[in-house]
Amino acid sequence: MIIEDILFSVYQAFSDDLFIWLRSDIALIFNYRYQLCKFVTAFVRAYAAAMTKS
């Protein structure tokens, strides 16, 4: 399938860039993941609170 070939090549290019990015900015990525976890936790708590109210 042509679509699968396109998706695979995009995935390959993205993962190569991501690997270089991860190596160069490892501390930044850990900080980003920490912020993301905090955001997701806050969102889940807000969602759960809204569900219990309704």
Protein backbone atom coordinates (compact mmCIF):
# COMPACT_ATOMS: atom_id res chain seq x y z
CA MET A 1 0.00 0.00 0.00
CA ILE A 2 1.23 3.47 -0.89
CA ILE A 3 -0.31 5.01 2.23
CA GLU A 4 1.57 2.59 4.47
CA ASP A 5 4.85 3.39 2.68
CA ILE A 6 4.28 7.12 3.18
CA LEU A 7 3.40 6.66 6.84
CA PHE A 8 6.44 4.47 7.41
CA SER A 9 8.83 6.96 5.78
CA VAL A 10 7.32 9.81 7.80
CA TYR A 11 7.67 7.70 10.95
CA GLN A 12 11.32 6.90 10.14
CA ALA A 13 12.20 10.55 9.54
CA PHE A 14 10.37 11.61 12.69
CA SER A 15 11.96 8.96 14.89
CA ASP A 16 15.46 9.85 13.65
CA ASP A 17 14.87 13.54 14.45
CA LEU A 18 13.35 12.60 17.78
CA PHE A 19 16.37 10.48 18.69
CA ILE A 20 18.78 13.35 17.94
CA TRP A 21 16.52 15.73 19.86
CA LEU A 22 16.35 13.36 22.83
CA ARG A 23 20.11 13.00 22.97
CA SER A 24 20.77 16.73 22.78
CA ASP A 25 18.04 17.91 25.16
CA ILE A 26 17.57 15.05 27.63
CA ALA A 27 17.07 17.32 30.65
CA LEU A 28 14.56 19.43 28.75
CA ILE A 29 12.61 16.33 27.74
CA PHE A 30 12.48 15.07 31.33
CA ASN A 31 11.20 18.49 32.40
CA TYR A 32 8.63 18.40 29.57
CA ARG A 33 7.46 14.92 30.57
CA TYR A 34 7.17 16.06 34.19
CA GLN A 35 5.08 19.08 33.17
CA LEU A 36 2.94 16.86 30.92
CA CYS A 37 2.33 14.42 33.79
CA LYS A 38 1.35 17.30 36.07
CA PHE A 39 -1.05 18.63 33.41
CA VAL A 40 -2.63 15.22 32.78
CA THR A 41 -3.02 14.61 36.52
CA ALA A 42 -4.69 18.00 36.99
CA PHE A 43 -6.98 17.36 34.00
CA VAL A 44 -7.99 13.91 35.28
CA ARG A 45 -8.72 15.33 38.74
CA ALA A 46 -10.84 18.13 37.26
CA TYR A 47 -12.69 15.64 35.05
CA ALA A 48 -13.34 13.31 37.99
CA ALA A 49 -14.61 16.23 40.08
CA ALA A 50 -16.95 17.28 37.26
CA MET A 51 -18.24 13.71 36.92
CA THR A 52 -18.99 13.37 40.63
CA LYS A 53 -20.87 16.71 40.68
CA SER A 54 -23.19 15.84 37.79
